[in-house]
Amino acid sequence: MDHQLIQRAAEDILNSKKTIAFTGAGISVESGIPDFRGAQGLWQKYDPEEYAHIHAFYSNPDRVWLMLKDMFSLIMTAKPNPAHMGLAELERMGYLSSVITQNVDGLHQAAGSRNVIEFHGTHRTLSCLKCSTTIDGTSLKMEDLPPRCSRCSSLLKPDIVFFGESIPWEAQVLSFKESKSCSVVLSIGTSAVVYPAASIPMTAKERGAIVIEINMEPTPLTDQISDYLISGSAGEIIPAIVDQVKRSSKPR
């Protein structure tokens, strides 16, 4: 871990009028949720076009729920890691305006973050395709799949964005509003290849924001958009930045 860059990140946050975090799958790997696109990820086992496209869900829900069952078992047992906790602490201290996440695991909220914009929806709830009744994902019985609505018996769908579905309008509007008005972006654990989410740090950069990238390895952002990359585990880097902010800060 580069302590000079940790110090630099803390100073950038302390001098920032508004800081946001933009997070991807990499922040949740230490919570036991593999990156879907990685070597241990779901897309190695399930072809996303066959299992994660909205047309596949409508045409063969039983088959798609085989993949969703695996997804649920990973997400529902996962706990926030020190990176999630550190971002929640930065928000409590008044140094983080919001977290925009591509993840559907709900771990930012579980860690205590309050202003979380879920760009790709959430796996924590399911909605009825007919009457819009919503249920808590923790109440799902894995032996009764695919799940059906208790009110009208229609199919329930996780509140995640499938391939072929549009990003929720409110999430788009709020995300780009945050990215256009911030002065620092912490881009954490995202490969920055999935659009339109990947354009969030770019939008901020165009408005003059500092983009601090925290990742295990370089991404398309690294040479083009990021001001600097802090290489390593988010679970170590974020708490180190928070500690440095605490040491250097005056009460807000």
Protein backbone atom coordinates (compact mmCIF):
# COMPACT_ATOMS: atom_id res chain seq x y z
CA MET A 1 0.00 0.00 0.00
CA ASP A 2 1.41 3.38 -1.06
CA HIS A 3 1.24 5.62 2.04
CA GLN A 4 2.02 8.75 0.04
CA LEU A 5 -1.04 8.13 -2.12
CA ILE A 6 -3.14 7.39 0.99
CA GLN A 7 -2.06 10.79 2.36
CA ARG A 8 -2.79 12.45 -0.98
CA ALA A 9 -6.29 10.89 -1.13
CA ALA A 10 -7.06 12.05 2.43
CA GLU A 11 -5.95 15.60 1.57
CA ASP A 12 -8.06 15.60 -1.61
CA ILE A 13 -11.10 14.49 0.44
CA LEU A 14 -10.43 17.11 3.13
CA ASN A 15 -10.15 19.86 0.52
CA SER A 16 -13.18 18.70 -1.44
CA LYS A 17 -16.51 20.53 -1.35
CA LYS A 18 -18.31 17.31 -2.28
CA THR A 19 -16.97 13.74 -2.54
CA ILE A 20 -18.81 10.74 -3.96
CA ALA A 21 -17.92 7.05 -4.21
CA PHE A 22 -18.52 4.94 -7.31
CA THR A 23 -18.26 1.23 -6.54
CA GLY A 24 -18.17 -2.00 -8.52
CA ALA A 25 -17.83 -5.72 -7.93
CA GLY A 26 -14.27 -5.42 -6.60
CA ILE A 27 -15.42 -3.85 -3.33
CA SER A 28 -17.54 -6.92 -2.49
CA VAL A 29 -15.01 -9.62 -3.40
CA GLU A 30 -13.65 -9.49 0.17
CA SER A 31 -17.19 -10.18 1.40
CA GLY A 32 -17.16 -13.48 -0.49
CA ILE A 33 -19.01 -12.37 -3.64
CA PRO A 34 -16.82 -13.10 -6.69
CA ASP A 35 -16.84 -10.63 -9.57
CA PHE A 36 -19.40 -12.09 -12.00
CA ARG A 37 -16.96 -11.55 -14.87
CA GLY A 38 -13.95 -12.99 -13.01
CA ALA A 39 -12.46 -16.48 -13.00
CA GLN A 40 -14.77 -17.64 -10.17
CA GLY A 41 -17.74 -15.56 -11.30
CA LEU A 42 -21.25 -16.59 -12.28
CA TRP A 43 -20.66 -15.86 -15.97
CA GLN A 44 -18.14 -18.72 -16.09
CA LYS A 45 -20.93 -21.08 -15.08
CA TYR A 46 -23.91 -19.40 -16.75
CA ASP A 47 -23.96 -17.68 -20.13
CA PRO A 48 -25.40 -14.23 -19.31
CA GLU A 49 -27.27 -14.08 -22.62
CA GLU A 50 -29.06 -17.32 -21.72
CA TYR A 51 -29.56 -16.75 -18.00
CA ALA A 52 -29.37 -13.01 -17.27
CA HIS A 53 -31.29 -11.47 -20.16
CA ILE A 54 -34.81 -10.24 -19.46
CA HIS A 55 -36.18 -12.21 -22.44
CA ALA A 56 -34.73 -15.39 -20.91
CA PHE A 57 -36.45 -14.58 -17.62
CA TYR A 58 -39.84 -14.17 -19.28
CA SER A 59 -39.50 -17.18 -21.58
CA ASN A 60 -37.95 -19.69 -19.17
CA PRO A 61 -38.09 -18.47 -15.54
CA ASP A 62 -37.45 -21.94 -14.11
CA ARG A 63 -34.10 -22.09 -15.88
CA VAL A 64 -33.10 -18.53 -14.97
CA TRP A 65 -33.93 -19.18 -11.33
CA LEU A 66 -31.18 -21.86 -11.27
CA MET A 67 -28.70 -18.99 -11.73
CA LEU A 68 -30.62 -16.63 -9.43
CA LYS A 69 -30.61 -19.27 -6.67
CA ASP A 70 -26.79 -19.33 -6.80
CA MET A 71 -26.77 -15.54 -6.78
CA PHE A 72 -29.10 -15.35 -3.78
CA SER A 73 -27.10 -17.87 -1.75
CA LEU A 74 -23.94 -15.77 -2.28
CA ILE A 75 -25.51 -12.40 -1.56
CA MET A 76 -27.76 -13.28 1.36
CA THR A 77 -24.91 -14.75 3.39
CA ALA A 78 -22.42 -11.95 2.64
CA LYS A 79 -21.47 -9.36 5.26
CA PRO A 80 -20.01 -5.87 4.73
CA ASN A 81 -16.21 -5.72 4.76
CA PRO A 82 -13.91 -2.91 6.01
CA ALA A 83 -14.21 -1.04 2.69
CA HIS A 84 -18.01 -0.80 3.02
CA MET A 85 -17.65 0.17 6.69
CA GLY A 86 -15.05 2.83 5.86
CA LEU A 87 -17.30 4.53 3.29
CA ALA A 88 -20.18 4.55 5.79
CA GLU A 89 -17.86 6.17 8.33
CA LEU A 90 -16.75 8.84 5.85
CA GLU A 91 -20.44 9.67 5.27
CA ARG A 92 -21.11 9.91 9.04
CA MET A 93 -18.11 12.24 9.38
CA GLY A 94 -19.53 14.52 6.68
CA TYR A 95 -16.89 13.75 4.04
CA LEU A 96 -18.92 11.60 1.63
CA SER A 97 -22.07 12.78 -0.10
CA SER A 98 -23.22 9.52 -1.68
CA VAL A 99 -22.31 6.05 -2.88
CA ILE A 100 -23.27 5.17 -6.44
CA THR A 101 -22.96 1.41 -6.76
CA GLN A 102 -23.18 -1.04 -9.64
CA ASN A 103 -23.57 -3.85 -7.10
CA VAL A 104 -26.90 -5.47 -6.24
CA ASP A 105 -25.84 -6.92 -2.87
CA GLY A 106 -27.08 -4.23 -0.46
CA LEU A 107 -23.82 -4.32 1.50
CA HIS A 108 -23.34 -0.53 1.54
CA GLN A 109 -26.66 -0.11 3.37
CA ALA A 110 -25.82 -3.03 5.67
CA ALA A 111 -22.60 -1.20 6.60
CA GLY A 112 -24.54 1.94 7.49
CA SER A 113 -24.32 4.08 4.35
CA ARG A 114 -27.50 6.12 4.02
CA ASN A 115 -27.30 7.83 0.65
CA VAL A 116 -26.83 4.85 -1.69
CA ILE A 117 -27.85 5.00 -5.35
CA GLU A 118 -28.23 1.47 -6.73
CA PHE A 119 -27.53 1.83 -10.45
CA HIS A 120 -28.34 -1.78 -11.29
CA GLY A 121 -31.07 -2.36 -8.70
CA THR A 122 -30.98 -4.69 -5.69
CA HIS A 123 -31.20 -8.39 -4.96
CA ARG A 124 -32.61 -7.67 -1.50
CA THR A 125 -36.21 -7.30 -2.75
CA LEU A 126 -38.43 -8.98 -5.35
CA SER A 127 -41.48 -7.57 -7.10
CA CYS A 128 -44.53 -9.17 -8.66
CA LEU A 129 -44.62 -8.72 -12.43
CA LYS A 130 -48.41 -8.34 -12.36
CA CYS A 131 -49.53 -6.49 -9.19
CA SER A 132 -46.19 -4.92 -8.15
CA THR A 133 -46.29 -6.40 -4.64
CA THR A 134 -42.76 -6.30 -3.19
CA ILE A 135 -41.27 -8.86 -0.79
CA ASP A 136 -38.03 -9.01 1.19
CA GLY A 137 -35.47 -11.34 -0.39
CA THR A 138 -34.63 -12.87 3.00
CA SER A 139 -38.16 -14.33 3.13
CA LEU A 140 -37.55 -16.34 -0.04
CA LYS A 141 -37.81 -20.11 0.37
CA MET A 142 -35.20 -21.73 -1.87
CA GLU A 143 -37.26 -24.91 -2.23
CA ASP A 144 -40.17 -22.96 -3.76
CA LEU A 145 -38.62 -21.68 -6.98
CA PRO A 146 -39.51 -19.87 -9.12
CA PRO A 147 -41.26 -17.80 -6.42
CA ARG A 148 -44.81 -16.58 -6.90
CA CYS A 149 -46.77 -13.69 -5.48
CA SER A 150 -48.86 -14.49 -2.39
CA ARG A 151 -51.52 -12.04 -3.57
CA CYS A 152 -52.03 -12.94 -7.23
CA SER A 153 -49.80 -16.01 -7.83
CA SER A 154 -47.86 -14.27 -10.64
CA LEU A 155 -44.11 -14.58 -11.06
CA LEU A 156 -41.77 -12.64 -8.76
CA LYS A 157 -38.65 -11.03 -10.19
CA PRO A 158 -35.62 -9.77 -8.23
CA ASP A 159 -35.39 -5.97 -8.37
CA ILE A 160 -32.15 -6.12 -10.33
CA VAL A 161 -31.52 -4.79 -13.83
CA PHE A 162 -31.30 -7.73 -16.23
CA PHE A 163 -29.49 -7.45 -19.56
CA GLY A 164 -31.95 -5.90 -22.00
CA GLU A 165 -33.61 -3.77 -19.29
CA SER A 166 -33.09 -0.05 -18.89
CA ILE A 167 -31.42 1.49 -15.85
CA PRO A 168 -34.01 2.82 -13.37
CA TRP A 169 -34.66 6.43 -14.35
CA GLU A 170 -34.35 7.82 -10.82
CA ALA A 171 -30.98 6.10 -10.32
CA GLN A 172 -29.68 7.58 -13.59
CA VAL A 173 -30.87 11.09 -12.78
CA LEU A 174 -29.50 11.05 -9.21
CA SER A 175 -26.17 9.48 -10.26
CA PHE A 176 -25.42 12.01 -12.97
CA LYS A 177 -26.57 14.87 -10.76
CA GLU A 178 -24.05 13.73 -8.13
CA SER A 179 -21.27 13.23 -10.69
CA LYS A 180 -21.78 16.69 -12.19
CA SER A 181 -21.68 18.45 -8.83
CA CYS A 182 -18.82 16.69 -7.02
CA SER A 183 -15.19 17.69 -6.74
CA VAL A 184 -13.74 14.24 -5.87
CA VAL A 185 -14.76 10.73 -7.01
CA LEU A 186 -13.51 7.60 -5.27
CA SER A 187 -13.79 4.94 -7.99
CA ILE A 188 -13.52 1.64 -6.13
CA GLY A 189 -13.38 -1.90 -7.47
CA THR A 190 -14.98 -1.21 -10.83
CA SER A 191 -13.69 -2.42 -14.17
CA ALA A 192 -15.34 0.65 -15.78
CA VAL A 193 -16.46 -1.31 -18.84
CA VAL A 194 -20.23 -1.50 -18.24
CA TYR A 195 -22.13 1.48 -19.64
CA PRO A 196 -23.85 3.76 -18.85
CA ALA A 197 -22.47 3.34 -15.30
CA ALA A 198 -18.86 3.63 -16.48
CA SER A 199 -19.49 7.16 -17.71
CA ILE A 200 -20.08 8.45 -14.15
CA PRO A 201 -16.39 9.13 -13.35
CA MET A 202 -15.92 10.54 -16.86
CA THR A 203 -18.80 12.96 -16.35
CA ALA A 204 -17.25 14.11 -13.07
CA LYS A 205 -13.84 14.51 -14.69
CA GLU A 206 -15.29 16.67 -17.46
CA ARG A 207 -16.58 19.02 -14.74
CA GLY A 208 -13.13 19.28 -13.15
CA ALA A 209 -13.39 16.62 -10.42
CA ILE A 210 -10.41 14.65 -9.12
CA VAL A 211 -10.85 10.93 -9.82
CA ILE A 212 -9.10 8.67 -7.30
CA GLU A 213 -9.07 5.06 -8.44
CA ILE A 214 -8.78 2.22 -5.92
CA ASN A 215 -8.36 -1.14 -7.59
CA MET A 216 -6.31 -4.33 -7.65
CA GLU A 217 -5.18 -3.62 -11.21
CA PRO A 218 -5.37 -0.87 -13.86
CA THR A 219 -8.64 -0.36 -15.78
CA PRO A 220 -9.69 1.69 -18.83
CA LEU A 221 -10.03 4.62 -16.40
CA THR A 222 -6.42 4.45 -15.25
CA ASP A 223 -4.60 6.16 -18.11
CA GLN A 224 -7.43 8.29 -19.43
CA ILE A 225 -9.58 9.51 -16.54
CA SER A 226 -8.09 8.77 -13.10
CA ASP A 227 -5.77 11.33 -11.51
CA TYR A 228 -4.03 8.47 -9.73
CA LEU A 229 -4.48 4.78 -8.94
CA ILE A 230 -4.00 3.32 -5.46
CA SER A 231 -3.33 -0.36 -6.17
CA GLY A 232 -4.43 -2.98 -3.70
CA SER A 233 -7.33 -4.25 -1.64
CA ALA A 234 -10.18 -1.81 -0.98
CA GLY A 235 -10.61 -3.45 2.44
CA GLU A 236 -7.16 -2.15 3.42
CA ILE A 237 -7.01 1.10 1.44
CA ILE A 238 -10.36 2.64 2.44
CA PRO A 239 -9.82 2.23 6.22
CA ALA A 240 -6.29 3.66 5.81
CA ILE A 241 -7.70 6.72 4.03
CA VAL A 242 -10.38 7.12 6.73
CA ASP A 243 -7.71 6.98 9.47
CA GLN A 244 -5.65 9.61 7.66
CA VAL A 245 -8.72 11.86 7.23
CA LYS A 246 -9.40 11.54 10.98
CA ARG A 247 -5.82 12.47 11.87
CA SER A 248 -5.80 15.51 9.60
CA SER A 249 -9.37 16.78 9.86
CA LYS A 250 -11.05 19.60 11.69
CA PRO A 251 -14.64 18.96 12.82
CA ARG A 252 -17.25 19.63 10.11
